[in-house]
Amino acid sequence: MRAEFILRLRLTLRVYKRILVSMNPEIALAQRIAAEIRAEMAWQAKPVAELARVIERGVRATQRRYSGEVEFGLDEVEVVAEWLGVSKVQLLTGQRDRERAVSA
């Protein structure tokens, strides 16, 4: 029961975050990518320390990327996408493969 509640809460937060980002085109690309990574990491319950290990950065440097304060490099986006099991396109645009299939 608790796990189901947490899962629904994560999904709800993810949807609201995507709505807010899509409503504000002035949000920088770095922040949009970071928001997408945060949402996917929350969905999969992955910690920032593990992300730091994956992108081979210190935890503080990773937190600055995670918050959108510093941009993820394209090579980092590629590594993170592989680690999360999602496409680079999803992290760069926020559009998931299943959504593209439905809208096509």
N, C-alpha and C. Protein backbone atom coordinates (compact mmCIF):
# COMPACT_ATOMS: atom_id res chain seq x y z
N MET A 1 0.82 -1.19 0.00
CA MET A 1 0.00 0.00 0.00
C MET A 1 0.87 1.26 0.00
N ARG A 2 1.87 1.28 0.89
CA ARG A 2 2.75 2.44 0.98
C ARG A 2 3.57 2.58 -0.31
N ALA A 3 4.06 1.47 -0.82
CA ALA A 3 4.85 1.51 -2.06
C ALA A 3 4.01 2.04 -3.22
N GLU A 4 2.76 1.63 -3.27
CA GLU A 4 1.86 2.11 -4.33
C GLU A 4 1.64 3.62 -4.21
N PHE A 5 1.47 4.10 -2.97
CA PHE A 5 1.30 5.54 -2.74
C PHE A 5 2.53 6.31 -3.21
N ILE A 6 3.70 5.82 -2.84
CA ILE A 6 4.94 6.49 -3.23
C ILE A 6 5.09 6.50 -4.74
N LEU A 7 4.76 5.40 -5.38
CA LEU A 7 4.83 5.32 -6.84
C LEU A 7 3.89 6.34 -7.48
N ARG A 8 2.68 6.44 -6.98
CA ARG A 8 1.72 7.41 -7.53
C ARG A 8 2.18 8.84 -7.28
N LEU A 9 2.74 9.09 -6.10
CA LEU A 9 3.24 10.43 -5.78
C LEU A 9 4.38 10.81 -6.72
N ARG A 10 5.30 9.90 -6.96
CA ARG A 10 6.41 10.17 -7.88
C ARG A 10 5.89 10.47 -9.28
N LEU A 11 4.93 9.69 -9.73
CA LEU A 11 4.37 9.91 -11.06
C LEU A 11 3.69 11.27 -11.13
N THR A 12 2.94 11.63 -10.11
CA THR A 12 2.25 12.92 -10.07
C THR A 12 3.26 14.06 -10.10
N LEU A 13 4.29 13.97 -9.29
CA LEU A 13 5.31 15.01 -9.26
C LEU A 13 6.01 15.13 -10.61
N ARG A 14 6.25 14.01 -11.22
CA ARG A 14 6.90 13.99 -12.53
C ARG A 14 6.04 14.70 -13.58
N VAL A 15 4.76 14.42 -13.55
CA VAL A 15 3.83 15.05 -14.51
C VAL A 15 3.76 16.55 -14.27
N TYR A 16 3.62 16.97 -13.01
CA TYR A 16 3.55 18.41 -12.71
C TYR A 16 4.83 19.13 -13.11
N LYS A 17 5.97 18.50 -12.88
CA LYS A 17 7.24 19.12 -13.24
C LYS A 17 7.31 19.31 -14.75
N ARG A 18 6.89 18.31 -15.51
CA ARG A 18 6.91 18.42 -16.97
C ARG A 18 5.96 19.50 -17.46
N ILE A 19 4.81 19.64 -16.81
CA ILE A 19 3.86 20.68 -17.19
C ILE A 19 4.46 22.05 -16.95
N LEU A 20 5.07 22.25 -15.79
CA LEU A 20 5.66 23.54 -15.46
C LEU A 20 6.79 23.90 -16.42
N VAL A 21 7.62 22.93 -16.75
CA VAL A 21 8.72 23.19 -17.67
C VAL A 21 8.18 23.52 -19.06
N SER A 22 7.17 22.81 -19.52
CA SER A 22 6.64 23.05 -20.85
C SER A 22 5.89 24.38 -20.94
N MET A 23 5.35 24.86 -19.81
CA MET A 23 4.62 26.12 -19.80
C MET A 23 5.57 27.32 -19.81
N ASN A 24 6.82 27.12 -19.45
CA ASN A 24 7.76 28.22 -19.36
C ASN A 24 8.91 28.00 -20.33
N PRO A 25 8.80 28.54 -21.55
CA PRO A 25 9.86 28.32 -22.54
C PRO A 25 11.16 29.02 -22.19
N GLU A 26 11.14 29.91 -21.20
CA GLU A 26 12.35 30.64 -20.83
C GLU A 26 13.28 29.82 -19.94
N ILE A 27 12.82 28.67 -19.48
CA ILE A 27 13.68 27.82 -18.68
C ILE A 27 14.83 27.34 -19.56
N ALA A 28 16.02 27.53 -19.08
CA ALA A 28 17.22 27.18 -19.85
C ALA A 28 17.26 25.68 -20.14
N LEU A 29 17.90 25.36 -21.25
CA LEU A 29 18.03 23.96 -21.65
C LEU A 29 18.71 23.14 -20.56
N ALA A 30 19.73 23.71 -19.93
CA ALA A 30 20.43 22.99 -18.85
C ALA A 30 19.47 22.61 -17.74
N GLN A 31 18.55 23.51 -17.40
CA GLN A 31 17.58 23.23 -16.34
C GLN A 31 16.55 22.20 -16.79
N ARG A 32 16.19 22.24 -18.06
CA ARG A 32 15.22 21.26 -18.56
C ARG A 32 15.82 19.86 -18.56
N ILE A 33 17.07 19.75 -18.99
CA ILE A 33 17.74 18.45 -18.99
C ILE A 33 17.89 17.95 -17.56
N ALA A 34 18.31 18.84 -16.66
CA ALA A 34 18.46 18.46 -15.26
C ALA A 34 17.12 18.02 -14.68
N ALA A 35 16.04 18.72 -15.02
CA ALA A 35 14.71 18.35 -14.52
C ALA A 35 14.31 16.97 -15.02
N GLU A 36 14.63 16.68 -16.25
CA GLU A 36 14.29 15.37 -16.83
C GLU A 36 15.10 14.27 -16.14
N ILE A 37 16.38 14.54 -15.89
CA ILE A 37 17.22 13.56 -15.20
C ILE A 37 16.73 13.36 -13.77
N ARG A 38 16.40 14.46 -13.08
CA ARG A 38 15.87 14.34 -11.71
C ARG A 38 14.59 13.52 -11.68
N ALA A 39 13.70 13.77 -12.63
CA ALA A 39 12.43 13.05 -12.66
C ALA A 39 12.66 11.55 -12.88
N GLU A 40 13.53 11.23 -13.82
CA GLU A 40 13.79 9.81 -14.11
C GLU A 40 14.51 9.14 -12.95
N MET A 41 15.44 9.86 -12.33
CA MET A 41 16.14 9.29 -11.17
C MET A 41 15.18 9.07 -10.01
N ALA A 42 14.27 10.01 -9.80
CA ALA A 42 13.27 9.85 -8.72
C ALA A 42 12.38 8.65 -9.02
N TRP A 43 11.99 8.53 -10.26
CA TRP A 43 11.13 7.41 -10.68
C TRP A 43 11.81 6.08 -10.39
N GLN A 44 13.13 6.02 -10.63
CA GLN A 44 13.88 4.79 -10.43
C GLN A 44 14.54 4.70 -9.05
N ALA A 45 14.32 5.72 -8.22
CA ALA A 45 14.89 5.78 -6.86
C ALA A 45 16.42 5.63 -6.87
N LYS A 46 17.06 6.40 -7.74
CA LYS A 46 18.53 6.36 -7.84
C LYS A 46 19.10 7.60 -7.15
N PRO A 47 20.14 7.43 -6.33
CA PRO A 47 20.71 8.55 -5.59
C PRO A 47 21.72 9.36 -6.41
N VAL A 48 21.93 10.60 -5.99
CA VAL A 48 22.88 11.50 -6.66
C VAL A 48 24.30 10.94 -6.58
N ALA A 49 24.63 10.29 -5.47
CA ALA A 49 25.98 9.72 -5.32
C ALA A 49 26.26 8.69 -6.42
N GLU A 50 25.24 7.94 -6.80
CA GLU A 50 25.42 6.96 -7.87
C GLU A 50 25.59 7.66 -9.22
N LEU A 51 24.84 8.75 -9.42
CA LEU A 51 25.00 9.55 -10.63
C LEU A 51 26.42 10.10 -10.71
N ALA A 52 26.96 10.56 -9.58
CA ALA A 52 28.33 11.09 -9.55
C ALA A 52 29.33 10.02 -10.00
N ARG A 53 29.12 8.81 -9.54
CA ARG A 53 30.00 7.72 -9.93
C ARG A 53 29.89 7.45 -11.44
N VAL A 54 28.67 7.50 -11.95
CA VAL A 54 28.43 7.20 -13.37
C VAL A 54 29.08 8.24 -14.28
N ILE A 55 28.98 9.52 -13.92
CA ILE A 55 29.55 10.57 -14.78
C ILE A 55 30.99 10.92 -14.38
N GLU A 56 31.50 10.19 -13.39
CA GLU A 56 32.89 10.35 -12.95
C GLU A 56 33.20 11.78 -12.52
N ARG A 57 32.35 12.30 -11.66
CA ARG A 57 32.51 13.63 -11.07
C ARG A 57 32.37 13.51 -9.57
N GLY A 58 32.81 14.56 -8.87
CA GLY A 58 32.59 14.62 -7.44
C GLY A 58 31.11 14.84 -7.14
N VAL A 59 30.71 14.57 -5.92
CA VAL A 59 29.30 14.72 -5.55
C VAL A 59 28.86 16.17 -5.68
N ARG A 60 29.68 17.12 -5.23
CA ARG A 60 29.30 18.54 -5.32
C ARG A 60 29.14 18.98 -6.78
N ALA A 61 30.08 18.60 -7.63
CA ALA A 61 29.98 18.95 -9.06
C ALA A 61 28.74 18.32 -9.68
N THR A 62 28.44 17.11 -9.26
CA THR A 62 27.25 16.41 -9.77
C THR A 62 25.99 17.10 -9.28
N GLN A 63 25.97 17.54 -8.03
CA GLN A 63 24.79 18.23 -7.51
C GLN A 63 24.53 19.52 -8.27
N ARG A 64 25.59 20.22 -8.69
CA ARG A 64 25.40 21.45 -9.46
C ARG A 64 24.79 21.13 -10.83
N ARG A 65 25.17 20.03 -11.42
CA ARG A 65 24.55 19.61 -12.68
C ARG A 65 23.11 19.16 -12.44
N TYR A 66 22.92 18.38 -11.40
CA TYR A 66 21.61 17.83 -11.03
C TYR A 66 20.59 18.95 -10.79
N SER A 67 21.03 20.07 -10.23
CA SER A 67 20.13 21.19 -9.95
C SER A 67 19.91 22.08 -11.17
N GLY A 68 20.73 21.92 -12.21
CA GLY A 68 20.60 22.76 -13.40
C GLY A 68 21.48 23.99 -13.34
N GLU A 69 22.23 24.13 -12.27
CA GLU A 69 23.13 25.28 -12.10
C GLU A 69 24.26 25.23 -13.14
N VAL A 70 24.73 24.02 -13.44
CA VAL A 70 25.79 23.78 -14.43
C VAL A 70 25.23 22.80 -15.46
N GLU A 71 25.56 23.01 -16.71
CA GLU A 71 25.06 22.13 -17.78
C GLU A 71 25.72 20.76 -17.74
N PHE A 72 24.94 19.74 -18.05
CA PHE A 72 25.50 18.42 -18.34
C PHE A 72 26.12 18.51 -19.72
N GLY A 73 27.29 17.93 -19.92
CA GLY A 73 27.88 17.84 -21.25
C GLY A 73 27.14 16.80 -22.06
N LEU A 74 27.24 16.90 -23.38
CA LEU A 74 26.55 15.92 -24.23
C LEU A 74 27.04 14.50 -23.97
N ASP A 75 28.34 14.36 -23.70
CA ASP A 75 28.86 13.04 -23.38
C ASP A 75 28.27 12.52 -22.07
N GLU A 76 28.07 13.43 -21.11
CA GLU A 76 27.46 13.04 -19.83
C GLU A 76 25.99 12.64 -20.03
N VAL A 77 25.28 13.39 -20.87
CA VAL A 77 23.88 13.06 -21.16
C VAL A 77 23.79 11.66 -21.75
N GLU A 78 24.71 11.33 -22.64
CA GLU A 78 24.72 10.01 -23.26
C GLU A 78 24.94 8.91 -22.22
N VAL A 79 25.90 9.12 -21.32
CA VAL A 79 26.21 8.14 -20.28
C VAL A 79 25.03 8.00 -19.32
N VAL A 80 24.43 9.12 -18.94
CA VAL A 80 23.29 9.11 -18.01
C VAL A 80 22.09 8.41 -18.64
N ALA A 81 21.85 8.69 -19.91
CA ALA A 81 20.73 8.04 -20.61
C ALA A 81 20.89 6.52 -20.61
N GLU A 82 22.10 6.07 -20.89
CA GLU A 82 22.36 4.63 -20.89
C GLU A 82 22.16 4.05 -19.49
N TRP A 83 22.67 4.75 -18.47
CA TRP A 83 22.55 4.31 -17.08
C TRP A 83 21.08 4.21 -16.65
N LEU A 84 20.28 5.19 -17.07
CA LEU A 84 18.86 5.21 -16.70
C LEU A 84 18.01 4.32 -17.60
N GLY A 85 18.57 3.88 -18.72
CA GLY A 85 17.82 3.03 -19.63
C GLY A 85 16.78 3.79 -20.44
N VAL A 86 17.10 5.06 -20.75
CA VAL A 86 16.21 5.88 -21.56
C VAL A 86 17.01 6.42 -22.75
N SER A 87 16.31 7.03 -23.69
CA SER A 87 17.01 7.58 -24.85
C SER A 87 17.59 8.96 -24.54
N LYS A 88 18.61 9.33 -25.29
CA LYS A 88 19.17 10.68 -25.16
C LYS A 88 18.11 11.71 -25.53
N VAL A 89 17.30 11.38 -26.51
CA VAL A 89 16.24 12.29 -26.96
C VAL A 89 15.31 12.61 -25.80
N GLN A 90 14.97 11.60 -25.00
CA GLN A 90 14.09 11.84 -23.86
C GLN A 90 14.71 12.84 -22.90
N LEU A 91 15.98 12.69 -22.59
CA LEU A 91 16.63 13.60 -21.65
C LEU A 91 16.77 15.00 -22.24
N LEU A 92 16.96 15.10 -23.55
CA LEU A 92 17.13 16.40 -24.18
C LEU A 92 15.82 17.12 -24.45
N THR A 93 14.75 16.36 -24.71
CA THR A 93 13.48 16.99 -25.09
C THR A 93 12.35 16.75 -24.09
N GLY A 94 12.50 15.73 -23.26
CA GLY A 94 11.43 15.39 -22.33
C GLY A 94 10.36 14.52 -22.95
N GLN A 95 10.51 14.20 -24.23
CA GLN A 95 9.50 13.39 -24.92
C GLN A 95 9.93 11.93 -24.90
N ARG A 96 9.08 11.10 -24.35
CA ARG A 96 9.38 9.68 -24.26
C ARG A 96 9.05 8.97 -25.55
N ASP A 97 9.70 7.84 -25.78
CA ASP A 97 9.48 7.06 -27.00
C ASP A 97 8.01 6.69 -27.16
N ARG A 98 7.36 6.27 -26.08
CA ARG A 98 5.96 5.86 -26.18
C ARG A 98 5.07 7.05 -26.54
N GLU A 99 5.43 8.27 -26.10
CA GLU A 99 4.65 9.45 -26.46
C GLU A 99 4.85 9.78 -27.94
N ARG A 100 6.07 9.62 -28.43
CA ARG A 100 6.33 9.88 -29.85
C ARG A 100 5.55 8.90 -30.71
N ALA A 101 5.47 7.65 -30.27
CA ALA A 101 4.74 6.63 -31.03
C ALA A 101 3.26 6.96 -31.10
N VAL A 102 2.71 7.48 -30.01
CA VAL A 102 1.29 7.83 -29.97
C VAL A 102 1.01 9.06 -30.82
N SER A 103 1.92 10.06 -30.77
CA SER A 103 1.68 11.30 -31.49
C SER A 103 2.01 11.19 -32.97
N ALA A 104 2.69 10.14 -33.38
CA ALA A 104 3.08 9.99 -34.80
C ALA A 104 1.94 9.49 -35.64
